[in-house]
Each structure stands twice: as C-alpha cells, then as structure tokens.
Amino acid sequence: MGFVSEFKEFISKGNVLDLAVGVIIGSAFGRIVTSLTDDVLMPVLGLATGGIDFKEWYLPLDGNTYASLEAAKAAKVATINYGLFLNAIIYFLIIAFCVFLIVKAANRFRKPPVVVAVADPGPTKDQALLMEIRDALRNR
C-alpha cells in the first residue's frame, strides 16, 4: 500500500473526520463563550461588585507599590497576577456551565435506549425431567 493511498484511507475514516468537525466547532464555540464572558457577563459582574477590576489585582515582588499592573510591567518588575488568575477561573466556570447547558439540551433530543426484555427461556429438557423426578420423590 502506497503512502498516498494509506494517508487517504486514514483521512477518510470516520474518527478523523469527527475529530476535525469537533475541533472546528469547538473553536467557534470558544469565540462565542469568550464574547459572552467579555461582552455580557463581566460588565454585569463588574457592576455587581461595584466596578472592581480583577485584572488590577497583583502583587509586585520587589516590595514597591505601582499605580497599575501596566506600570509594574513597564518597570520590568516580577508580579504575581492573582487577579488575572481569578478571571481565568471565572471564565472556566462560565465555559463549563455553558457546556453543561448544551450537553443537557442535546441529551433531550436523543432517543432513550430501547430496553429489550429478555424472556426467561424456561427449563431445558434435562432440567424439566429432574424437576419431575424431584416432585415424584417429594410426593411419595
């Protein structure tokens, strides 16, 4: 089998195509959730918290104070940006919640699995004969 035909067979398999579609949809979904987070939810969260901007929560490691994170970065100071970390956690929770809602909605459209009742096949001829012998001995 040649390299080209082997590659063509690999690409035409369903798993590879499903994975490619999943990556493309995931990328588009990521943009939607980012927009939802940045443009809709974070302004509401900022309003609810009194305008607190988590991005400006940081700890400069040189012990000095700076007007903003940008000023600390301009001074080339190492900082622990725990506010950005909090933003990342909030983004993650929002994305996880959105994925949960989508999966929950998708599960409504799935047909429930068909439960096939397995009938008891009943006793075999040998078992029936043994039961007759047992009953005859019991009734003696």
Protein backbone atom coordinates (compact mmCIF):
# COMPACT_ATOMS: atom_id res chain seq x y z
CA MET A 1 0.00 0.00 0.00
CA GLY A 2 1.48 3.34 -1.01
CA PHE A 3 1.91 6.30 1.27
CA VAL A 4 -0.72 8.41 -0.52
CA SER A 5 -3.36 5.68 -0.51
CA GLU A 6 -2.63 4.90 3.14
CA PHE A 7 -2.99 8.60 4.01
CA LYS A 8 -6.25 8.79 2.02
CA GLU A 9 -7.61 5.79 3.93
CA PHE A 10 -6.60 7.38 7.25
CA ILE A 11 -8.26 10.69 6.40
CA SER A 12 -11.46 9.08 5.17
CA LYS A 13 -12.04 7.20 8.43
CA GLY A 14 -14.98 8.49 10.44
CA ASN A 15 -12.99 9.13 13.61
CA VAL A 16 -10.65 11.60 11.95
CA LEU A 17 -13.50 13.48 10.31
CA ASP A 18 -15.47 13.59 13.56
CA LEU A 19 -12.41 14.93 15.36
CA ALA A 20 -11.88 17.62 12.72
CA VAL A 21 -15.50 18.74 12.97
CA GLY A 22 -15.24 18.76 16.77
CA VAL A 23 -12.13 20.95 16.69
CA ILE A 24 -13.72 23.43 14.28
CA ILE A 25 -16.96 23.63 16.24
CA GLY A 26 -15.00 23.89 19.50
CA SER A 27 -13.00 26.80 18.14
CA ALA A 28 -16.14 28.64 17.07
CA PHE A 29 -17.82 27.85 20.39
CA GLY A 30 -14.77 29.19 22.23
CA ARG A 31 -15.16 32.53 20.46
CA ILE A 32 -18.84 32.67 21.34
CA VAL A 33 -18.18 31.93 25.01
CA THR A 34 -15.32 34.44 25.12
CA SER A 35 -17.63 37.10 23.72
CA LEU A 36 -20.37 36.11 26.15
CA THR A 37 -17.91 36.36 29.03
CA ASP A 38 -16.11 39.56 27.98
CA ASP A 39 -19.02 41.49 26.49
CA VAL A 40 -22.02 40.38 28.54
CA LEU A 41 -21.19 38.73 31.84
CA MET A 42 -18.04 40.51 33.01
CA PRO A 43 -19.57 44.01 32.72
CA VAL A 44 -22.56 42.81 34.76
CA LEU A 45 -20.21 41.17 37.28
CA GLY A 46 -18.18 44.39 37.44
CA LEU A 47 -21.35 46.39 38.05
CA ALA A 48 -22.49 43.94 40.73
CA THR A 49 -19.12 44.15 42.52
CA GLY A 50 -19.01 47.94 42.39
CA GLY A 51 -16.67 48.24 39.43
CA ILE A 52 -13.92 46.03 40.82
CA ASP A 53 -11.47 45.12 38.08
CA PHE A 54 -9.82 41.82 38.88
CA LYS A 55 -7.15 42.49 36.24
CA GLU A 56 -5.56 45.08 38.51
CA TRP A 57 -5.16 42.73 41.45
CA TYR A 58 -1.47 41.85 41.59
CA LEU A 59 1.43 41.61 43.99
CA PRO A 60 4.77 43.17 42.94
CA LEU A 61 7.63 41.01 44.13
CA ASP A 62 10.08 43.88 44.63
CA GLY A 63 8.09 45.28 47.58
CA ASN A 64 7.27 48.62 45.94
CA THR A 65 3.82 49.87 45.00
CA TYR A 66 2.81 50.82 41.47
CA ALA A 67 -0.16 52.70 40.08
CA SER A 68 -1.24 49.80 37.91
CA LEU A 69 -0.17 46.43 36.60
CA GLU A 70 0.95 48.09 33.39
CA ALA A 71 3.22 50.43 35.38
CA ALA A 72 4.75 47.45 37.16
CA LYS A 73 5.30 45.67 33.85
CA ALA A 74 6.83 48.81 32.36
CA ALA A 75 9.28 48.87 35.29
CA LYS A 76 10.07 45.21 34.48
CA VAL A 77 9.02 44.06 37.94
CA ALA A 78 8.06 40.45 38.53
CA THR A 79 4.45 40.28 39.72
CA ILE A 80 2.03 37.65 40.92
CA ASN A 81 -1.13 38.41 38.93
CA TYR A 82 -3.75 36.74 41.10
CA GLY A 83 -6.50 38.94 39.62
CA LEU A 84 -5.85 37.52 36.16
CA PHE A 85 -5.92 34.07 37.73
CA LEU A 86 -9.33 34.84 39.24
CA ASN A 87 -10.53 35.99 35.81
CA ALA A 88 -9.33 32.69 34.32
CA ILE A 89 -11.24 30.75 36.98
CA ILE A 90 -14.39 32.78 36.28
CA TYR A 91 -14.01 32.18 32.54
CA PHE A 92 -13.56 28.47 33.16
CA LEU A 93 -16.69 28.26 35.32
CA ILE A 94 -18.73 30.14 32.72
CA ILE A 95 -17.47 27.91 29.90
CA ALA A 96 -18.11 24.77 31.96
CA PHE A 97 -21.65 25.97 32.71
CA CYS A 98 -22.31 26.71 29.02
CA VAL A 99 -21.03 23.28 28.00
CA PHE A 100 -23.23 21.72 30.70
CA LEU A 101 -26.29 23.52 29.32
CA ILE A 102 -25.51 22.47 25.75
CA VAL A 103 -24.97 18.82 26.70
CA LYS A 104 -28.15 18.87 28.77
CA ALA A 105 -30.11 20.29 25.82
CA ALA A 106 -28.55 17.80 23.40
CA ASN A 107 -29.47 14.90 25.67
CA ARG A 108 -33.14 15.87 25.41
CA PHE A 109 -33.06 15.20 21.67
CA ARG A 110 -31.50 11.78 21.99
CA LYS A 111 -33.83 8.85 21.90
CA PRO A 112 -33.79 6.81 25.07
CA PRO A 113 -32.16 3.43 24.59
CA VAL A 114 -34.63 0.70 23.75
CA VAL A 115 -34.85 -1.75 26.61
CA VAL A 116 -35.36 -5.25 25.33
CA ALA A 117 -36.96 -7.52 27.86
CA VAL A 118 -35.21 -10.84 27.87
CA ALA A 119 -37.71 -13.65 28.29
CA ASP A 120 -36.77 -16.48 30.56
CA PRO A 121 -36.05 -19.38 28.22
CA GLY A 122 -37.54 -21.84 30.70
CA PRO A 123 -36.03 -25.10 31.81
CA THR A 124 -34.26 -27.40 29.40
CA LYS A 125 -35.47 -30.96 28.83
CA ASP A 126 -32.93 -32.26 31.33
CA GLN A 127 -33.99 -29.73 33.95
CA ALA A 128 -37.68 -30.49 33.38
CA LEU A 129 -37.01 -34.22 33.80
CA LEU A 130 -35.05 -33.58 37.01
CA MET A 131 -37.90 -31.41 38.36
CA GLU A 132 -40.38 -34.23 37.64
CA ILE A 133 -38.18 -36.72 39.46
CA ARG A 134 -37.83 -34.32 42.41
CA ASP A 135 -41.59 -33.77 42.58
CA ALA A 136 -42.26 -37.54 42.34
CA LEU A 137 -39.83 -38.24 45.18
CA ARG A 138 -41.36 -35.48 47.28
CA ASN A 139 -44.92 -36.83 46.81
CA ARG A 140 -44.08 -40.40 47.74
